[in-house]
N, C-alpha and C. Protein backbone atom coordinates (compact mmCIF):
# COMPACT_ATOMS: atom_id res chain seq x y z
N UNK A 1 19.57 20.72 -12.29
CA UNK A 1 19.11 19.60 -11.45
C UNK A 1 20.01 18.61 -11.44
N UNK A 2 20.14 18.01 -10.20
CA UNK A 2 21.09 16.96 -10.02
C UNK A 2 20.66 15.80 -9.27
N UNK A 3 21.16 14.61 -9.65
CA UNK A 3 20.44 13.45 -9.15
C UNK A 3 21.85 12.42 -8.44
N UNK A 4 21.74 12.27 -7.23
CA UNK A 4 23.08 11.95 -6.58
C UNK A 4 22.38 10.66 -5.84
N UNK A 5 23.24 9.56 -6.20
CA UNK A 5 22.88 8.08 -5.22
C UNK A 5 23.97 7.93 -4.53
N UNK A 6 23.80 7.26 -3.22
CA UNK A 6 25.10 6.89 -2.32
C UNK A 6 24.58 5.49 -1.53
N UNK A 7 25.35 4.98 -1.06
CA UNK A 7 25.17 3.87 -0.14
C UNK A 7 26.19 4.07 0.95
N UNK A 8 25.57 3.75 2.16
CA UNK A 8 26.53 4.02 3.43
C UNK A 8 26.21 2.94 4.28
N UNK A 9 26.88 2.88 5.49
CA UNK A 9 26.82 1.81 6.76
C UNK A 9 26.55 2.93 7.91
N UNK A 10 25.40 2.12 8.60
CA UNK A 10 25.21 2.81 9.88
C UNK A 10 25.89 2.39 10.85
N UNK A 11 26.56 3.05 11.85
CA UNK A 11 27.43 2.29 12.92
C UNK A 11 26.73 1.41 13.63
N UNK A 12 25.50 1.41 14.00
CA UNK A 12 24.37 0.45 14.37
C UNK A 12 23.03 0.39 13.64
N UNK A 13 22.24 -0.59 14.00
CA UNK A 13 21.05 -0.78 13.35
C UNK A 13 20.16 0.25 14.08
N UNK A 14 19.41 0.94 13.24
CA UNK A 14 18.41 2.18 13.97
C UNK A 14 17.13 1.15 14.27
N UNK A 15 16.63 1.23 15.36
CA UNK A 15 15.34 0.73 15.69
C UNK A 15 14.27 1.67 15.11
N UNK A 16 13.17 1.08 15.21
CA UNK A 16 11.77 1.77 14.40
C UNK A 16 11.78 3.16 14.64
N UNK A 17 11.94 3.57 16.10
CA UNK A 17 11.69 4.90 16.47
C UNK A 17 12.67 5.91 15.93
N UNK A 18 13.93 5.36 15.75
CA UNK A 18 15.07 6.23 15.43
C UNK A 18 14.77 6.21 13.94
N UNK A 19 14.25 5.22 13.01
CA UNK A 19 14.18 5.61 11.67
C UNK A 19 13.08 6.43 11.55
N UNK A 20 11.77 6.28 12.37
CA UNK A 20 10.72 7.18 12.04
C UNK A 20 11.03 8.70 12.37
N UNK A 21 12.16 9.01 13.26
CA UNK A 21 12.50 10.16 13.47
C UNK A 21 13.38 10.74 12.38
N UNK A 22 14.31 9.69 12.07
CA UNK A 22 15.20 10.15 10.74
C UNK A 22 14.41 10.68 9.40
N UNK A 23 13.33 9.79 9.47
CA UNK A 23 12.56 10.02 8.32
C UNK A 23 11.72 11.29 8.38
N UNK A 24 10.95 11.50 9.42
CA UNK A 24 10.36 12.40 9.69
C UNK A 24 11.08 14.09 9.36
N UNK A 25 12.34 13.80 10.02
CA UNK A 25 13.16 15.24 9.66
C UNK A 25 13.76 15.28 8.43
N UNK A 26 14.08 14.27 7.84
CA UNK A 26 14.60 14.13 6.37
C UNK A 26 13.50 14.60 5.46
N UNK A 27 12.14 14.00 5.63
CA UNK A 27 10.95 14.47 4.98
C UNK A 27 10.62 16.14 5.01
N UNK A 28 10.93 16.68 6.15
CA UNK A 28 10.71 18.09 6.47
C UNK A 28 11.80 18.94 5.85
N UNK A 29 13.07 18.42 5.89
CA UNK A 29 14.28 19.20 5.21
C UNK A 29 14.16 19.16 3.91
N UNK A 30 13.76 17.99 3.13
CA UNK A 30 13.67 17.58 1.88
C UNK A 30 12.65 18.75 1.22
N UNK A 31 11.69 18.64 1.79
CA UNK A 31 10.44 19.51 1.44
C UNK A 31 10.94 20.61 1.25
N UNK A 32 11.45 21.29 2.37
CA UNK A 32 12.14 22.95 2.40
C UNK A 32 13.26 23.31 1.44
N UNK A 33 13.98 22.02 1.06
CA UNK A 33 15.14 22.34 0.06
C UNK A 33 14.69 21.91 -1.37
N UNK A 34 13.32 21.62 -1.67
CA UNK A 34 12.74 21.39 -2.80
C UNK A 34 13.69 19.97 -3.54
N UNK A 35 13.91 19.09 -2.52
CA UNK A 35 14.60 17.75 -2.67
C UNK A 35 13.53 16.37 -2.66
N UNK A 36 13.78 15.57 -3.78
CA UNK A 36 12.84 14.39 -3.47
C UNK A 36 14.05 13.06 -3.59
N UNK A 37 13.33 11.85 -3.44
CA UNK A 37 14.15 10.70 -3.44
C UNK A 37 13.71 9.60 -2.58
N UNK A 38 14.53 8.71 -2.67
CA UNK A 38 14.01 7.36 -2.10
C UNK A 38 15.20 6.73 -1.19
N UNK A 39 14.63 6.07 -0.04
CA UNK A 39 15.68 5.51 0.81
C UNK A 39 15.38 4.33 1.02
N UNK A 40 16.40 3.29 1.00
CA UNK A 40 16.21 1.70 1.30
C UNK A 40 17.06 1.35 2.17
N UNK A 41 16.35 0.67 3.29
CA UNK A 41 17.50 0.18 4.26
C UNK A 41 17.54 -1.25 4.46
N UNK A 42 18.78 -1.69 4.51
CA UNK A 42 18.87 -2.97 4.74
C UNK A 42 19.85 -3.41 5.81
N UNK A 43 19.35 -3.53 6.94
CA UNK A 43 20.31 -3.89 8.43
C UNK A 43 20.83 -2.61 8.48
N UNK A 44 22.17 -2.55 8.38
CA UNK A 44 22.85 -1.29 8.79
C UNK A 44 23.22 -0.66 7.41
N UNK A 45 23.07 -1.00 5.99
CA UNK A 45 23.35 -0.60 4.97
C UNK A 45 22.01 0.36 4.40
N UNK A 46 22.37 1.43 4.10
CA UNK A 46 21.45 2.51 3.67
C UNK A 46 21.94 2.82 1.79
N UNK A 47 20.86 2.88 1.26
CA UNK A 47 20.98 3.26 -0.20
C UNK A 47 19.87 4.35 -0.43
N UNK A 48 20.36 5.55 -0.71
CA UNK A 48 19.39 6.78 -0.81
C UNK A 48 19.87 7.55 -2.28
N UNK A 49 18.84 7.88 -2.93
CA UNK A 49 18.88 9.01 -4.03
C UNK A 49 18.35 10.07 -3.59
N UNK A 50 19.08 11.27 -3.90
CA UNK A 50 18.55 12.46 -3.50
C UNK A 50 18.50 13.28 -4.88
N UNK A 51 17.60 14.02 -5.32
CA UNK A 51 17.38 14.90 -6.31
C UNK A 51 16.93 16.18 -6.34
N UNK A 52 17.18 17.19 -7.04
CA UNK A 52 16.63 18.56 -6.89
C UNK A 52 17.66 19.69 -7.39
N UNK A 53 17.40 20.83 -6.72
CA UNK A 53 18.62 21.86 -7.19
C UNK A 53 19.92 21.50 -6.73
N UNK A 54 20.85 21.53 -7.57
CA UNK A 54 22.07 21.22 -7.41
C UNK A 54 22.83 21.52 -6.12
N UNK A 55 22.72 22.91 -5.60
CA UNK A 55 23.33 23.27 -4.34
C UNK A 55 22.72 22.44 -3.29
N UNK A 56 21.33 22.41 -3.31
CA UNK A 56 20.48 21.45 -2.30
C UNK A 56 20.84 20.14 -1.99
N UNK A 57 21.29 19.46 -3.15
CA UNK A 57 21.48 18.21 -3.07
C UNK A 57 22.93 18.04 -2.81
N UNK A 58 23.92 19.00 -3.13
CA UNK A 58 25.14 18.99 -2.58
C UNK A 58 25.43 19.06 -0.89
N UNK A 59 24.61 20.51 -0.56
CA UNK A 59 24.64 20.90 0.84
C UNK A 59 23.96 19.35 1.82
N UNK A 60 22.93 18.68 1.03
CA UNK A 60 22.24 17.52 2.20
C UNK A 60 23.16 16.47 2.16
N UNK A 61 23.91 16.10 0.85
CA UNK A 61 24.99 15.10 1.05
C UNK A 61 26.26 15.64 1.91
N UNK A 62 26.64 16.63 1.76
CA UNK A 62 27.72 16.87 2.67
C UNK A 62 27.38 16.82 4.19
N UNK A 63 25.96 17.06 4.37
CA UNK A 63 25.50 17.08 5.80
C UNK A 63 25.50 15.31 6.27
N UNK A 64 24.92 14.82 5.28
CA UNK A 64 24.93 13.21 5.46
C UNK A 64 26.31 12.79 5.83
N UNK A 65 27.32 13.08 5.15
CA UNK A 65 28.86 12.75 5.14
C UNK A 65 29.02 13.08 6.65
N UNK A 66 28.90 14.36 7.18
CA UNK A 66 29.49 14.48 8.37
C UNK A 66 28.55 13.93 9.62
N UNK A 67 27.37 13.29 9.43
CA UNK A 67 26.74 12.53 10.48
C UNK A 67 27.43 11.14 10.91
N UNK A 68 27.57 11.38 12.47
CA UNK A 68 28.45 10.42 12.83
C UNK A 68 27.94 9.09 12.95
N UNK A 69 26.45 8.80 12.63
CA UNK A 69 25.92 7.60 12.62
C UNK A 69 26.21 6.72 11.47
N UNK A 70 26.84 7.51 10.30
CA UNK A 70 27.23 6.75 9.11
C UNK A 70 28.78 6.74 8.90
N UNK A 71 29.26 5.79 8.23
CA UNK A 71 30.66 5.94 7.68
C UNK A 71 30.55 5.10 6.46
N UNK A 72 31.93 5.15 5.71
CA UNK A 72 31.77 4.41 4.39
C UNK A 72 30.65 4.93 3.46
N UNK A 73 30.59 6.16 3.55
CA UNK A 73 29.82 6.76 2.06
C UNK A 73 30.40 6.43 0.80
N UNK A 74 29.65 5.90 -0.04
CA UNK A 74 30.22 5.73 -1.52
C UNK A 74 29.26 6.13 -2.43
N UNK A 75 29.70 7.39 -3.23
CA UNK A 75 28.76 7.91 -4.05
C UNK A 75 28.81 6.99 -5.48
N UNK A 76 27.47 6.95 -5.94
CA UNK A 76 27.45 5.47 -6.95
C UNK A 76 27.07 6.11 -8.22
N UNK A 77 26.45 7.34 -8.05
CA UNK A 77 25.64 8.06 -9.36
C UNK A 77 25.63 9.39 -8.70
N UNK A 78 26.16 10.59 -9.78
CA UNK A 78 26.15 11.72 -9.44
C UNK A 78 25.92 12.49 -10.97
N UNK A 79 24.79 13.01 -11.26
CA UNK A 79 24.73 13.70 -12.63
C UNK A 79 23.76 14.58 -12.67
N UNK A 80 23.85 15.39 -13.48
CA UNK A 80 22.87 16.49 -13.84
C UNK A 80 21.65 15.67 -14.72
N UNK A 81 20.50 15.81 -14.33
CA UNK A 81 19.26 15.19 -14.92
C UNK A 81 18.17 16.48 -15.31
N UNK A 82 17.65 16.09 -16.33
CA UNK A 82 16.52 17.02 -16.84
C UNK A 82 15.16 17.06 -15.94
N UNK A 83 14.85 16.04 -15.42
CA UNK A 83 13.53 15.88 -14.78
C UNK A 83 13.75 15.04 -13.40
N UNK A 84 12.96 14.75 -12.61
CA UNK A 84 12.87 14.04 -11.59
C UNK A 84 12.18 12.41 -11.56
N UNK A 85 12.73 11.57 -11.05
CA UNK A 85 12.37 10.26 -11.05
C UNK A 85 11.68 10.17 -10.01
N UNK A 86 11.73 10.80 -8.80
CA UNK A 86 11.11 10.50 -7.61
C UNK A 86 10.21 11.92 -7.08
N UNK A 87 9.57 12.59 -8.02
CA UNK A 87 9.06 13.85 -8.00
C UNK A 87 7.78 14.00 -6.94
N UNK A 88 7.26 12.82 -6.43
CA UNK A 88 6.12 13.34 -5.72
C UNK A 88 6.54 12.76 -4.35
N UNK A 89 7.82 12.27 -4.15
CA UNK A 89 8.28 11.94 -3.00
C UNK A 89 9.21 12.81 -2.15
N UNK A 90 9.11 13.36 -0.88
CA UNK A 90 10.04 14.04 -0.23
C UNK A 90 11.08 13.18 0.39
N UNK A 91 10.74 11.82 0.39
CA UNK A 91 11.65 10.82 0.85
C UNK A 91 10.90 9.45 0.74
N UNK A 92 10.67 8.86 -0.32
CA UNK A 92 10.44 7.45 -0.38
C UNK A 92 11.37 6.59 0.68
N UNK A 93 10.46 5.45 0.93
CA UNK A 93 11.19 4.81 2.21
C UNK A 93 10.97 3.22 2.00
N UNK A 94 11.51 2.27 2.25
CA UNK A 94 11.43 1.09 2.42
C UNK A 94 12.56 0.36 3.16
N UNK A 95 11.94 -0.85 3.67
CA UNK A 95 13.21 -1.31 4.86
C UNK A 95 13.07 -2.90 4.70
N UNK A 96 13.96 -3.43 4.87
CA UNK A 96 14.19 -4.98 4.65
C UNK A 96 13.74 -5.79 5.80
N UNK A 97 13.83 -6.95 5.96
CA UNK A 97 13.83 -7.82 7.21
C UNK A 97 12.26 -7.83 7.66
N UNK A 98 12.15 -7.88 8.78
CA UNK A 98 10.92 -8.44 9.47
C UNK A 98 9.51 -7.06 9.03
N UNK A 99 10.29 -5.94 8.88
CA UNK A 99 9.65 -4.89 8.74
C UNK A 99 8.64 -4.82 7.16
N UNK A 100 9.58 -5.77 6.64
CA UNK A 100 8.87 -5.79 5.10
C UNK A 100 8.09 -6.87 5.03
N UNK A 101 6.97 -7.03 5.90
CA UNK A 101 6.19 -8.51 6.05
C UNK A 101 5.20 -8.71 5.03
N UNK A 102 4.57 -7.90 4.46
CA UNK A 102 3.50 -7.79 3.43
C UNK A 102 3.99 -8.18 2.12
N UNK A 103 5.18 -7.99 1.87
CA UNK A 103 5.82 -8.18 0.51
C UNK A 103 7.10 -8.42 0.62
N UNK A 104 7.97 -9.07 -0.11
CA UNK A 104 9.17 -9.12 0.01
C UNK A 104 9.91 -7.75 -0.52
N UNK A 105 11.29 -7.37 0.24
CA UNK A 105 11.77 -6.09 -0.02
C UNK A 105 11.90 -5.65 -1.53
N UNK A 106 12.35 -6.85 -2.07
CA UNK A 106 12.76 -6.93 -3.61
C UNK A 106 11.50 -6.29 -4.30
N UNK A 107 10.36 -6.99 -3.87
CA UNK A 107 8.85 -6.81 -4.68
C UNK A 107 8.44 -5.28 -4.59
N UNK A 108 8.65 -4.82 -3.16
CA UNK A 108 8.22 -3.74 -2.66
C UNK A 108 9.15 -2.66 -3.49
N UNK A 109 10.33 -2.69 -3.54
CA UNK A 109 11.26 -1.77 -4.29
C UNK A 109 10.96 -1.87 -5.58
N UNK A 110 11.03 -2.73 -6.09
CA UNK A 110 10.56 -3.20 -7.56
C UNK A 110 9.47 -2.59 -8.11
N UNK A 111 8.44 -2.22 -7.41
CA UNK A 111 7.32 -1.68 -7.46
C UNK A 111 7.05 -0.30 -7.48
N UNK A 112 8.39 0.30 -6.59
CA UNK A 112 8.51 1.84 -6.39
C UNK A 112 9.23 2.14 -7.76
N UNK A 113 10.24 1.49 -8.07
CA UNK A 113 11.20 1.88 -8.84
C UNK A 113 10.91 1.60 -10.61
N UNK A 114 9.72 0.83 -10.74
CA UNK A 114 9.32 0.33 -11.84
C UNK A 114 9.15 1.34 -13.03
N UNK A 115 8.79 2.46 -12.85
CA UNK A 115 8.68 3.63 -13.78
C UNK A 115 9.81 4.56 -13.96
N UNK A 116 11.01 4.23 -13.34
CA UNK A 116 12.23 4.96 -13.65
C UNK A 116 12.64 4.57 -14.87
N UNK A 117 12.86 5.53 -15.56
CA UNK A 117 13.38 5.32 -17.12
C UNK A 117 14.96 4.94 -16.93
N UNK A 118 15.87 5.44 -16.08
CA UNK A 118 17.30 5.22 -16.10
C UNK A 118 17.43 3.62 -15.56
N UNK A 119 18.12 2.89 -16.70
CA UNK A 119 17.91 1.36 -15.98
C UNK A 119 19.13 1.03 -15.05
N UNK A 120 19.99 1.93 -14.99
CA UNK A 120 21.18 1.70 -14.02
C UNK A 120 20.67 2.25 -12.69
N UNK A 121 20.08 3.34 -12.60
CA UNK A 121 19.54 3.81 -11.31
C UNK A 121 18.53 2.55 -11.02
N UNK A 122 17.56 2.08 -11.50
CA UNK A 122 16.61 1.16 -11.36
C UNK A 122 17.39 -0.13 -10.76
N UNK A 123 18.32 -0.70 -11.55
CA UNK A 123 19.20 -1.96 -11.14
C UNK A 123 19.97 -1.55 -9.70
N UNK A 124 20.35 -0.49 -9.65
CA UNK A 124 21.04 -0.10 -8.02
C UNK A 124 20.02 -0.64 -7.24
N UNK A 125 18.71 -0.08 -7.24
CA UNK A 125 17.64 -0.15 -6.16
C UNK A 125 17.42 -1.93 -5.86
N UNK A 126 17.16 -2.09 -7.21
CA UNK A 126 16.72 -3.60 -7.27
C UNK A 126 17.53 -4.67 -6.79
N UNK A 127 18.95 -4.47 -7.10
CA UNK A 127 19.79 -5.21 -6.59
C UNK A 127 20.04 -5.16 -5.12
N UNK A 128 19.87 -3.90 -4.65
CA UNK A 128 20.26 -3.81 -3.20
C UNK A 128 19.23 -4.24 -2.40
N UNK A 129 17.77 -4.30 -2.79
CA UNK A 129 16.61 -4.80 -2.11
C UNK A 129 16.92 -6.53 -2.16
N UNK A 130 17.42 -7.10 -3.26
CA UNK A 130 17.44 -8.52 -3.41
C UNK A 130 18.70 -8.74 -2.41
N UNK A 131 19.54 -8.13 -2.37
CA UNK A 131 20.67 -8.46 -1.57
C UNK A 131 20.29 -8.25 0.07
N UNK A 132 19.32 -7.34 0.34
CA UNK A 132 19.29 -7.10 1.74
C UNK A 132 17.76 -7.33 2.32
N UNK A 133 17.20 -8.24 1.49
CA UNK A 133 15.62 -8.48 1.83
C UNK A 133 15.58 -9.08 3.26
N UNK A 134 16.62 -9.95 3.57
CA UNK A 134 16.51 -10.70 5.00
C UNK A 134 17.09 -9.93 5.86
N UNK A 135 17.53 -8.73 5.99
CA UNK A 135 18.66 -8.12 7.04
C UNK A 135 17.79 -7.07 7.48
């Protein structure tokens, strides 16, 4: 099993309907490929972790890399893991800015990743959320 974390920049900010369509398609594809993960969006920046069978993670990341809506993909974390940190989520999701009105993005993401055992992985998400909370 593989876990891969990357950050990327969208060529433009996606509106709510574009994000919903992206999430719907991603969740369906991830379920079919036995992938789980988390996506956090801050303005044009995306931080996403994918985990599951090695080949499925690699294929999905390659597809994302070739998507013209993204550029500047940087792989932050790529390693074999014994188990899933995001086992029940075909794609957990949080967004910064006005969409995160009920609680700060940092608070929401902190709650979502609190149970993750890997402190480095947890720190990537918390740091991203703190940086992009208002974007």
